[in-house]
């Protein structure tokens, strides 16, 4: 499928061809790009990453399909031992995970099929990112390797933020505060979506915030706080990190806006496109660390 055909078929053309981030696909003169998509859940397993038998999950199927359309091979796994191997062939690593990924899963069958990461594998992941590997994290990836009191884990420091809780699913607003970042160009000032919205904390001071969770009008106590970052980019050593709290619902994964935002994130972390990621968290969400109004 050609790029324009993909845009038309997904509806992305509605926001303008120029809005789509160029460079997700490798040029003919370049080697094929490769992404590792890791979806092990030591804690709660979301439906979009749950596999029935040997069939790939909803999000894995979409990742593989969209990757093929753009000349990128997406390798999907729940086996934490992959990080003990050679990560060199991958241009980017994507996480949709939860819990302490070095721990076993309570379900014995799932645990046998989904071995944990080793502590050495976790360090290899962090070293790969700081060494220049791209990292994209969806939704529950912020619910992984939690901090211990005030002591942030190396993973949370790398990611740039951490899950606290969430309320009921509801329609809410995402405010776009970095309109020139790849993938959000042409989307306007904001958009609304039905989603399970995460409340987050422990934000890195160097975040370049792309989307802000607007909390005004939201129900449930966890949202009664000032607006806070929901999608961001940051540099981690020589690597690029992109996180979005979006991605809970199946229909979000097929939503043209979500796909465009994610493709922009992948383009940036894989260094196909550049962007100004000057830290802006203090300017766009000055009270992000405040947990109540």
C-alpha atoms as a PDB file:
ATOM      1  CA  UNK A   1       0.000   0.000   0.000  1.00  0.00           C
ATOM      2  CA  UNK A   2       1.361   3.382  -0.954  1.00  0.00           C
ATOM      3  CA  UNK A   3       1.636   6.154   1.603  1.00  0.00           C
ATOM      4  CA  UNK A   4      -1.216   8.199   0.139  1.00  0.00           C
ATOM      5  CA  UNK A   5      -3.449   5.119  -0.076  1.00  0.00           C
ATOM      6  CA  UNK A   6      -2.711   4.378   3.591  1.00  0.00           C
ATOM      7  CA  UNK A   7      -3.608   7.918   4.562  1.00  0.00           C
ATOM      8  CA  UNK A   8      -6.874   7.776   2.671  1.00  0.00           C
ATOM      9  CA  UNK A   9      -7.834   4.340   3.951  1.00  0.00           C
ATOM     10  CA  UNK A  10      -7.293   5.335   7.584  1.00  0.00           C
ATOM     11  CA  UNK A  11      -8.869   8.757   7.247  1.00  0.00           C
ATOM     12  CA  UNK A  12      -5.644  10.545   8.180  1.00  0.00           C
ATOM     13  CA  UNK A  13      -5.863  12.521   4.946  1.00  0.00           C
ATOM     14  CA  UNK A  14      -8.678  14.453   6.581  1.00  0.00           C
ATOM     15  CA  UNK A  15      -6.128  16.397   8.594  1.00  0.00           C
ATOM     16  CA  UNK A  16      -3.916  16.993   5.614  1.00  0.00           C
ATOM     17  CA  UNK A  17      -1.126  15.019   3.952  1.00  0.00           C
ATOM     18  CA  UNK A  18       1.481  17.428   5.248  1.00  0.00           C
ATOM     19  CA  UNK A  19       0.417  16.603   8.803  1.00  0.00           C
ATOM     20  CA  UNK A  20       1.612  13.004   8.532  1.00  0.00           C
ATOM     21  CA  UNK A  21       5.170  12.471   9.778  1.00  0.00           C
ATOM     22  CA  UNK A  22       7.451  11.581   6.908  1.00  0.00           C
ATOM     23  CA  UNK A  23      10.062   8.924   7.419  1.00  0.00           C
ATOM     24  CA  UNK A  24       8.294   6.128   9.342  1.00  0.00           C
ATOM     25  CA  UNK A  25       9.202   3.827   6.475  1.00  0.00           C
ATOM     26  CA  UNK A  26      12.804   3.304   5.476  1.00  0.00           C
ATOM     27  CA  UNK A  27      13.815   4.589   2.076  1.00  0.00           C
ATOM     28  CA  UNK A  28      14.679   2.097  -0.635  1.00  0.00           C
ATOM     29  CA  UNK A  29      18.357   2.824  -0.177  1.00  0.00           C
ATOM     30  CA  UNK A  30      18.252   2.039   3.560  1.00  0.00           C
ATOM     31  CA  UNK A  31      18.164  -1.246   5.409  1.00  0.00           C
ATOM     32  CA  UNK A  32      14.706  -2.406   6.536  1.00  0.00           C
ATOM     33  CA  UNK A  33      13.709  -1.058   9.933  1.00  0.00           C
ATOM     34  CA  UNK A  34      12.860  -3.368  12.814  1.00  0.00           C
ATOM     35  CA  UNK A  35      10.814  -2.791  15.988  1.00  0.00           C
ATOM     36  CA  UNK A  36      10.540  -5.087  19.026  1.00  0.00           C
ATOM     37  CA  UNK A  37       7.058  -4.897  20.606  1.00  0.00           C
ATOM     38  CA  UNK A  38       7.076  -6.298  24.169  1.00  0.00           C
ATOM     39  CA  UNK A  39       3.712  -6.919  25.862  1.00  0.00           C
ATOM     40  CA  UNK A  40       4.374  -8.961  29.006  1.00  0.00           C
ATOM     41  CA  UNK A  41       2.042  -8.134  31.886  1.00  0.00           C
ATOM     42  CA  UNK A  42       3.188  -9.287  35.299  1.00  0.00           C
ATOM     43  CA  UNK A  43       0.311  -7.269  36.763  1.00  0.00           C
ATOM     44  CA  UNK A  44      -3.074  -6.622  35.167  1.00  0.00           C
ATOM     45  CA  UNK A  45      -3.182  -7.650  31.511  1.00  0.00           C
ATOM     46  CA  UNK A  46      -5.102  -5.273  29.244  1.00  0.00           C
ATOM     47  CA  UNK A  47      -7.413  -6.747  26.638  1.00  0.00           C
ATOM     48  CA  UNK A  48      -5.509  -5.088  23.767  1.00  0.00           C
ATOM     49  CA  UNK A  49      -2.398  -7.141  24.597  1.00  0.00           C
ATOM     50  CA  UNK A  50      -4.166 -10.370  25.623  1.00  0.00           C
ATOM     51  CA  UNK A  51      -3.594 -13.323  23.299  1.00  0.00           C
ATOM     52  CA  UNK A  52      -6.110 -16.086  22.683  1.00  0.00           C
ATOM     53  CA  UNK A  53      -4.048 -19.223  22.207  1.00  0.00           C
ATOM     54  CA  UNK A  54      -1.248 -18.583  19.770  1.00  0.00           C
ATOM     55  CA  UNK A  55      -3.036 -15.696  18.052  1.00  0.00           C
ATOM     56  CA  UNK A  56      -1.519 -12.236  18.331  1.00  0.00           C
ATOM     57  CA  UNK A  57      -3.375  -9.689  20.432  1.00  0.00           C
ATOM     58  CA  UNK A  58      -5.389  -6.788  19.024  1.00  0.00           C
ATOM     59  CA  UNK A  59      -2.599  -4.234  19.381  1.00  0.00           C
ATOM     60  CA  UNK A  60       0.055  -6.652  18.112  1.00  0.00           C
ATOM     61  CA  UNK A  61      -1.929  -7.298  14.927  1.00  0.00           C
ATOM     62  CA  UNK A  62      -2.261  -3.568  14.322  1.00  0.00           C
ATOM     63  CA  UNK A  63       1.425  -2.944  14.987  1.00  0.00           C
ATOM     64  CA  UNK A  64       2.440  -5.699  12.553  1.00  0.00           C
ATOM     65  CA  UNK A  65      -0.026  -4.570   9.873  1.00  0.00           C
ATOM     66  CA  UNK A  66       0.883  -0.893  10.027  1.00  0.00           C
ATOM     67  CA  UNK A  67       4.567  -1.792  10.141  1.00  0.00           C
ATOM     68  CA  UNK A  68       4.262  -3.831   6.962  1.00  0.00           C
ATOM     69  CA  UNK A  69       2.485  -0.972   5.229  1.00  0.00           C
ATOM     70  CA  UNK A  70       5.450   1.254   6.013  1.00  0.00           C
ATOM     71  CA  UNK A  71       8.306  -1.153   5.409  1.00  0.00           C
ATOM     72  CA  UNK A  72       8.994  -1.864   9.077  1.00  0.00           C
ATOM     73  CA  UNK A  73       9.204  -5.355  10.556  1.00  0.00           C
ATOM     74  CA  UNK A  74       7.496  -5.548  13.960  1.00  0.00           C
ATOM     75  CA  UNK A  75       8.527  -8.489  16.149  1.00  0.00           C
ATOM     76  CA  UNK A  76       6.016  -9.206  18.932  1.00  0.00           C
ATOM     77  CA  UNK A  77       6.939 -11.078  22.097  1.00  0.00           C
ATOM     78  CA  UNK A  78       5.968 -11.657  25.725  1.00  0.00           C
ATOM     79  CA  UNK A  79       9.198 -13.484  26.480  1.00  0.00           C
ATOM     80  CA  UNK A  80      11.378 -11.374  28.753  1.00  0.00           C
ATOM     81  CA  UNK A  81      14.449 -13.422  27.858  1.00  0.00           C
ATOM     82  CA  UNK A  82      14.655 -11.513  24.574  1.00  0.00           C
ATOM     83  CA  UNK A  83      16.499  -8.756  26.452  1.00  0.00           C
ATOM     84  CA  UNK A  84      19.311 -11.135  27.357  1.00  0.00           C
ATOM     85  CA  UNK A  85      19.999 -11.495  23.646  1.00  0.00           C
ATOM     86  CA  UNK A  86      21.205  -9.130  20.964  1.00  0.00           C
ATOM     87  CA  UNK A  87      19.122  -5.948  20.780  1.00  0.00           C
ATOM     88  CA  UNK A  88      21.325  -4.544  18.034  1.00  0.00           C
ATOM     89  CA  UNK A  89      19.020  -5.412  15.099  1.00  0.00           C
ATOM     90  CA  UNK A  90      16.159  -3.338  16.524  1.00  0.00           C
ATOM     91  CA  UNK A  91      15.815   0.335  15.650  1.00  0.00           C
ATOM     92  CA  UNK A  92      13.232   0.825  18.388  1.00  0.00           C
ATOM     93  CA  UNK A  93      11.710  -1.063  21.298  1.00  0.00           C
ATOM     94  CA  UNK A  94       8.044  -0.604  22.228  1.00  0.00           C
ATOM     95  CA  UNK A  95       6.479  -1.502  25.584  1.00  0.00           C
ATOM     96  CA  UNK A  96       2.871  -2.197  26.567  1.00  0.00           C
ATOM     97  CA  UNK A  97       3.601  -3.837  29.908  1.00  0.00           C
ATOM     98  CA  UNK A  98       2.663  -3.792  33.586  1.00  0.00           C
ATOM     99  CA  UNK A  99       4.138  -4.768  36.919  1.00  0.00           C
ATOM    100  CA  UNK A 100       7.655  -5.827  37.841  1.00  0.00           C
ATOM    101  CA  UNK A 101       8.698  -7.607  34.678  1.00  0.00           C
ATOM    102  CA  UNK A 102      11.452  -9.529  36.496  1.00  0.00           C
ATOM    103  CA  UNK A 103       8.814 -11.294  38.625  1.00  0.00           C
ATOM    104  CA  UNK A 104       6.755 -14.382  37.731  1.00  0.00           C
ATOM    105  CA  UNK A 105       3.115 -14.179  36.684  1.00  0.00           C
ATOM    106  CA  UNK A 106       0.595 -15.677  39.117  1.00  0.00           C
ATOM    107  CA  UNK A 107      -1.062 -17.696  36.361  1.00  0.00           C
ATOM    108  CA  UNK A 108       1.238 -20.736  35.983  1.00  0.00           C
ATOM    109  CA  UNK A 109       0.428 -21.322  32.305  1.00  0.00           C
ATOM    110  CA  UNK A 110       0.980 -17.702  31.362  1.00  0.00           C
ATOM    111  CA  UNK A 111       4.178 -17.651  33.388  1.00  0.00           C
ATOM    112  CA  UNK A 112       5.483 -20.660  31.461  1.00  0.00           C
ATOM    113  CA  UNK A 113       4.649 -19.002  28.150  1.00  0.00           C
ATOM    114  CA  UNK A 114       5.867 -15.557  29.213  1.00  0.00           C
ATOM    115  CA  UNK A 115       9.186 -15.858  31.080  1.00  0.00           C
ATOM    116  CA  UNK A 116      10.301 -12.789  33.039  1.00  0.00           C
ATOM    117  CA  UNK A 117      13.086 -10.385  32.215  1.00  0.00           C
ATOM    118  CA  UNK A 118      16.317 -10.947  34.096  1.00  0.00           C
ATOM    119  CA  UNK A 119      17.816  -8.036  36.072  1.00  0.00           C
ATOM    120  CA  UNK A 120      20.656  -8.149  33.542  1.00  0.00           C
ATOM    121  CA  UNK A 121      18.105  -7.907  30.730  1.00  0.00           C
ATOM    122  CA  UNK A 122      16.552  -4.808  32.309  1.00  0.00           C
ATOM    123  CA  UNK A 123      19.979  -3.194  32.472  1.00  0.00           C
ATOM    124  CA  UNK A 124      20.663  -4.153  28.854  1.00  0.00           C
ATOM    125  CA  UNK A 125      17.413  -2.453  27.853  1.00  0.00           C
ATOM    126  CA  UNK A 126      18.306   0.737  29.717  1.00  0.00           C
ATOM    127  CA  UNK A 127      21.839   0.699  28.320  1.00  0.00           C
ATOM    128  CA  UNK A 128      20.508   0.177  24.785  1.00  0.00           C
ATOM    129  CA  UNK A 129      18.246   3.199  25.100  1.00  0.00           C
ATOM    130  CA  UNK A 130      20.920   5.443  26.598  1.00  0.00           C
ATOM    131  CA  UNK A 131      23.220   4.214  23.842  1.00  0.00           C
ATOM    132  CA  UNK A 132      20.885   5.449  21.106  1.00  0.00           C
ATOM    133  CA  UNK A 133      18.025   2.960  20.767  1.00  0.00           C
ATOM    134  CA  UNK A 134      14.526   4.408  20.326  1.00  0.00           C
ATOM    135  CA  UNK A 135      11.845   3.620  22.940  1.00  0.00           C
ATOM    136  CA  UNK A 136       8.065   3.960  22.568  1.00  0.00           C
ATOM    137  CA  UNK A 137       5.758   3.245  25.505  1.00  0.00           C
ATOM    138  CA  UNK A 138       1.988   2.848  25.466  1.00  0.00           C
ATOM    139  CA  UNK A 139      -0.532   3.303  28.280  1.00  0.00           C
ATOM    140  CA  UNK A 140       0.308   0.678  30.936  1.00  0.00           C
ATOM    141  CA  UNK A 141       4.049   0.876  30.298  1.00  0.00           C
ATOM    142  CA  UNK A 142       3.962   3.602  32.971  1.00  0.00           C
ATOM    143  CA  UNK A 143       2.550   0.946  35.344  1.00  0.00           C
ATOM    144  CA  UNK A 144       5.802  -1.036  35.150  1.00  0.00           C
ATOM    145  CA  UNK A 145       8.804  -1.191  37.507  1.00  0.00           C
ATOM    146  CA  UNK A 146       7.188   1.087  40.067  1.00  0.00           C
ATOM    147  CA  UNK A 147       9.146   3.343  42.378  1.00  0.00           C
ATOM    148  CA  UNK A 148       9.691   2.508  46.022  1.00  0.00           C
ATOM    149  CA  UNK A 149       8.548   5.477  48.045  1.00  0.00           C
ATOM    150  CA  UNK A 150      10.592   8.463  46.969  1.00  0.00           C
ATOM    151  CA  UNK A 151      13.187   6.270  45.256  1.00  0.00           C
ATOM    152  CA  UNK A 152      12.473   6.253  41.539  1.00  0.00           C
ATOM    153  CA  UNK A 153      13.490   3.119  39.693  1.00  0.00           C
ATOM    154  CA  UNK A 154      15.878   3.505  36.748  1.00  0.00           C
ATOM    155  CA  UNK A 155      13.014   2.539  34.414  1.00  0.00           C
ATOM    156  CA  UNK A 156      10.726   5.295  35.720  1.00  0.00           C
ATOM    157  CA  UNK A 157      13.570   7.796  35.422  1.00  0.00           C
ATOM    158  CA  UNK A 158      14.099   6.707  31.818  1.00  0.00           C
ATOM    159  CA  UNK A 159      10.389   6.823  30.952  1.00  0.00           C
ATOM    160  CA  UNK A 160       9.809  10.206  32.566  1.00  0.00           C
ATOM    161  CA  UNK A 161       6.643   9.513  34.549  1.00  0.00           C
ATOM    162  CA  UNK A 162       4.699   6.910  36.506  1.00  0.00           C
ATOM    163  CA  UNK A 163       1.127   5.589  36.760  1.00  0.00           C
ATOM    164  CA  UNK A 164      -0.867   6.352  39.918  1.00  0.00           C
ATOM    165  CA  UNK A 165      -4.423   5.197  39.243  1.00  0.00           C
ATOM    166  CA  UNK A 166      -7.366   5.738  36.924  1.00  0.00           C
ATOM    167  CA  UNK A 167     -11.079   6.380  37.193  1.00  0.00           C
ATOM    168  CA  UNK A 168     -13.984   5.271  35.031  1.00  0.00           C
ATOM    169  CA  UNK A 169     -13.755   5.487  31.269  1.00  0.00           C
ATOM    170  CA  UNK A 170     -15.117   8.779  30.005  1.00  0.00           C
ATOM    171  CA  UNK A 171     -14.792  11.296  27.221  1.00  0.00           C
ATOM    172  CA  UNK A 172     -12.140  13.886  27.983  1.00  0.00           C
ATOM    173  CA  UNK A 173      -9.924  16.426  26.274  1.00  0.00           C
ATOM    174  CA  UNK A 174      -6.302  16.211  25.211  1.00  0.00           C
ATOM    175  CA  UNK A 175      -4.738  19.637  24.727  1.00  0.00           C
ATOM    176  CA  UNK A 176      -1.963  19.823  22.124  1.00  0.00           C
ATOM    177  CA  UNK A 177       0.898  21.932  23.483  1.00  0.00           C
ATOM    178  CA  UNK A 178       3.611  20.978  20.972  1.00  0.00           C
ATOM    179  CA  UNK A 179       1.782  21.411  17.653  1.00  0.00           C
ATOM    180  CA  UNK A 180       4.927  20.978  15.525  1.00  0.00           C
ATOM    181  CA  UNK A 181       5.881  17.594  16.958  1.00  0.00           C
ATOM    182  CA  UNK A 182       5.645  14.808  14.324  1.00  0.00           C
ATOM    183  CA  UNK A 183       2.210  13.235  14.312  1.00  0.00           C
ATOM    184  CA  UNK A 184       0.227  16.063  15.909  1.00  0.00           C
ATOM    185  CA  UNK A 185       0.704  18.625  13.169  1.00  0.00           C
ATOM    186  CA  UNK A 186      -2.683  19.478  11.702  1.00  0.00           C
ATOM    187  CA  UNK A 187      -4.732  18.151  14.632  1.00  0.00           C
ATOM    188  CA  UNK A 188      -5.635  21.609  15.913  1.00  0.00           C
ATOM    189  CA  UNK A 189      -5.509  22.821  19.494  1.00  0.00           C
ATOM    190  CA  UNK A 190      -7.119  19.774  21.109  1.00  0.00           C
ATOM    191  CA  UNK A 191      -9.216  16.670  20.564  1.00  0.00           C
ATOM    192  CA  UNK A 192     -11.652  14.649  22.624  1.00  0.00           C
ATOM    193  CA  UNK A 193     -11.759  10.890  22.994  1.00  0.00           C
ATOM    194  CA  UNK A 194     -13.445   8.170  25.039  1.00  0.00           C
ATOM    195  CA  UNK A 195     -10.675   6.404  26.913  1.00  0.00           C
ATOM    196  CA  UNK A 196      -9.444   5.083  30.251  1.00  0.00           C
ATOM    197  CA  UNK A 197      -7.373   8.068  31.351  1.00  0.00           C
ATOM    198  CA  UNK A 198      -4.331   7.565  33.539  1.00  0.00           C
ATOM    199  CA  UNK A 199      -3.438   9.778  36.465  1.00  0.00           C
ATOM    200  CA  UNK A 200       0.354  10.105  36.485  1.00  0.00           C
ATOM    201  CA  UNK A 201       3.125  11.349  38.777  1.00  0.00           C
ATOM    202  CA  UNK A 202       6.913  11.587  39.181  1.00  0.00           C
ATOM    203  CA  UNK A 203       7.401  13.563  36.001  1.00  0.00           C
ATOM    204  CA  UNK A 204      10.950  14.180  34.834  1.00  0.00           C
ATOM    205  CA  UNK A 205      11.910  17.834  34.789  1.00  0.00           C
ATOM    206  CA  UNK A 206      13.190  17.557  31.226  1.00  0.00           C
ATOM    207  CA  UNK A 207       9.930  16.368  29.643  1.00  0.00           C
ATOM    208  CA  UNK A 208       8.905  17.877  26.342  1.00  0.00           C
ATOM    209  CA  UNK A 209       5.139  17.638  26.774  1.00  0.00           C
ATOM    210  CA  UNK A 210       3.103  17.029  23.621  1.00  0.00           C
ATOM    211  CA  UNK A 211      -0.393  16.335  24.988  1.00  0.00           C
ATOM    212  CA  UNK A 212      -1.819  17.595  28.262  1.00  0.00           C
ATOM    213  CA  UNK A 213      -4.639  15.864  30.153  1.00  0.00           C
ATOM    214  CA  UNK A 214      -7.291  18.498  30.684  1.00  0.00           C
ATOM    215  CA  UNK A 215      -8.953  17.618  33.990  1.00  0.00           C
ATOM    216  CA  UNK A 216     -11.697  20.237  34.127  1.00  0.00           C
ATOM    217  CA  UNK A 217     -15.085  18.545  33.922  1.00  0.00           C
ATOM    218  CA  UNK A 218     -13.743  15.021  34.494  1.00  0.00           C
ATOM    219  CA  UNK A 219     -15.428  12.813  37.079  1.00  0.00           C
ATOM    220  CA  UNK A 220     -13.720  10.723  39.799  1.00  0.00           C
ATOM    221  CA  UNK A 221     -11.436  11.978  42.545  1.00  0.00           C
ATOM    222  CA  UNK A 222      -8.153  11.051  40.839  1.00  0.00           C
ATOM    223  CA  UNK A 223      -8.776  13.679  38.143  1.00  0.00           C
ATOM    224  CA  UNK A 224      -9.535  16.519  40.536  1.00  0.00           C
ATOM    225  CA  UNK A 225      -6.110  18.045  40.038  1.00  0.00           C
ATOM    226  CA  UNK A 226      -4.429  20.557  37.727  1.00  0.00           C
ATOM    227  CA  UNK A 227      -3.719  19.486  34.118  1.00  0.00           C
ATOM    228  CA  UNK A 228      -0.712  17.167  33.722  1.00  0.00           C
ATOM    229  CA  UNK A 229       1.378  15.604  30.931  1.00  0.00           C
ATOM    230  CA  UNK A 230      -0.217  12.672  29.082  1.00  0.00           C
ATOM    231  CA  UNK A 231       2.069  12.278  26.050  1.00  0.00           C
ATOM    232  CA  UNK A 232       5.671  13.388  25.952  1.00  0.00           C
ATOM    233  CA  UNK A 233       9.136  13.035  24.464  1.00  0.00           C
ATOM    234  CA  UNK A 234      12.490  13.157  26.191  1.00  0.00           C
ATOM    235  CA  UNK A 235      16.118  12.394  25.504  1.00  0.00           C
ATOM    236  CA  UNK A 236      17.762   9.616  27.510  1.00  0.00           C
ATOM    237  CA  UNK A 237      21.470   9.715  26.872  1.00  0.00           C
ATOM    238  CA  UNK A 238      21.795   9.226  23.108  1.00  0.00           C
ATOM    239  CA  UNK A 239      18.351   7.633  22.875  1.00  0.00           C
ATOM    240  CA  UNK A 240      14.906   9.063  22.281  1.00  0.00           C
ATOM    241  CA  UNK A 241      11.901   8.188  24.474  1.00  0.00           C
ATOM    242  CA  UNK A 242       8.231   8.699  23.560  1.00  0.00           C
ATOM    243  CA  UNK A 243       5.307   7.881  25.887  1.00  0.00           C
ATOM    244  CA  UNK A 244       1.558   8.201  25.476  1.00  0.00           C
ATOM    245  CA  UNK A 245      -1.012   7.329  28.129  1.00  0.00           C
ATOM    246  CA  UNK A 246      -3.478   6.521  25.342  1.00  0.00           C
ATOM    247  CA  UNK A 247      -4.117   2.949  24.221  1.00  0.00           C
ATOM    248  CA  UNK A 248      -6.476   1.203  26.651  1.00  0.00           C
ATOM    249  CA  UNK A 249      -9.438   0.583  24.369  1.00  0.00           C
ATOM    250  CA  UNK A 250      -9.580  -1.493  21.173  1.00  0.00           C
ATOM    251  CA  UNK A 251     -11.258   1.338  19.284  1.00  0.00           C
ATOM    252  CA  UNK A 252      -8.489   3.723  20.324  1.00  0.00           C
ATOM    253  CA  UNK A 253      -5.989   1.474  18.540  1.00  0.00           C
ATOM    254  CA  UNK A 254      -7.968   1.802  15.307  1.00  0.00           C
ATOM    255  CA  UNK A 255      -8.545   5.540  15.796  1.00  0.00           C
ATOM    256  CA  UNK A 256      -6.843   7.631  13.086  1.00  0.00           C
ATOM    257  CA  UNK A 257      -5.689  10.279  15.580  1.00  0.00           C
ATOM    258  CA  UNK A 258      -4.075   7.723  17.892  1.00  0.00           C
ATOM    259  CA  UNK A 259      -2.352   5.996  14.981  1.00  0.00           C
ATOM    260  CA  UNK A 260      -1.041   9.280  13.628  1.00  0.00           C
ATOM    261  CA  UNK A 261       0.329  10.317  17.026  1.00  0.00           C
ATOM    262  CA  UNK A 262       2.049   6.953  17.476  1.00  0.00           C
ATOM    263  CA  UNK A 263       3.515   6.933  13.983  1.00  0.00           C
ATOM    264  CA  UNK A 264       4.932  10.358  14.712  1.00  0.00           C
ATOM    265  CA  UNK A 265       6.473   9.055  17.916  1.00  0.00           C
ATOM    266  CA  UNK A 266       8.059   6.114  16.130  1.00  0.00           C
ATOM    267  CA  UNK A 267       9.380   8.364  13.364  1.00  0.00           C
ATOM    268  CA  UNK A 268      11.048  10.563  15.952  1.00  0.00           C
ATOM    269  CA  UNK A 269      12.556   7.842  18.176  1.00  0.00           C
ATOM    270  CA  UNK A 270      13.888   6.019  15.086  1.00  0.00           C
ATOM    271  CA  UNK A 271      15.529   9.289  14.011  1.00  0.00           C
ATOM    272  CA  UNK A 272      13.725   9.525  10.689  1.00  0.00           C
ATOM    273  CA  UNK A 273      12.571  12.998  11.673  1.00  0.00           C
ATOM    274  CA  UNK A 274      13.841  15.569  14.150  1.00  0.00           C
ATOM    275  CA  UNK A 275      11.854  17.772  16.487  1.00  0.00           C
ATOM    276  CA  UNK A 276      12.449  20.478  19.031  1.00  0.00           C
ATOM    277  CA  UNK A 277      12.148  18.668  22.370  1.00  0.00           C
ATOM    278  CA  UNK A 278      13.216  21.519  24.620  1.00  0.00           C
ATOM    279  CA  UNK A 279      11.800  20.807  28.099  1.00  0.00           C
ATOM    280  CA  UNK A 280       8.487  22.637  28.504  1.00  0.00           C
ATOM    281  CA  UNK A 281       6.795  20.918  31.433  1.00  0.00           C
ATOM    282  CA  UNK A 282       7.138  23.945  33.711  1.00  0.00           C
ATOM    283  CA  UNK A 283       5.568  26.205  31.091  1.00  0.00           C
ATOM    284  CA  UNK A 284       2.636  24.067  29.907  1.00  0.00           C
ATOM    285  CA  UNK A 285       1.794  22.162  33.145  1.00  0.00           C
ATOM    286  CA  UNK A 286       3.267  24.248  35.981  1.00  0.00           C
ATOM    287  CA  UNK A 287       1.248  22.367  38.633  1.00  0.00           C
ATOM    288  CA  UNK A 288       1.721  18.868  37.207  1.00  0.00           C
ATOM    289  CA  UNK A 289       3.056  17.500  40.494  1.00  0.00           C
ATOM    290  CA  UNK A 290       0.052  18.756  42.458  1.00  0.00           C
ATOM    291  CA  UNK A 291      -2.231  15.767  43.093  1.00  0.00           C
ATOM    292  CA  UNK A 292      -5.313  17.773  44.152  1.00  0.00           C
ATOM    293  CA  UNK A 293      -6.803  21.111  43.187  1.00  0.00           C
END
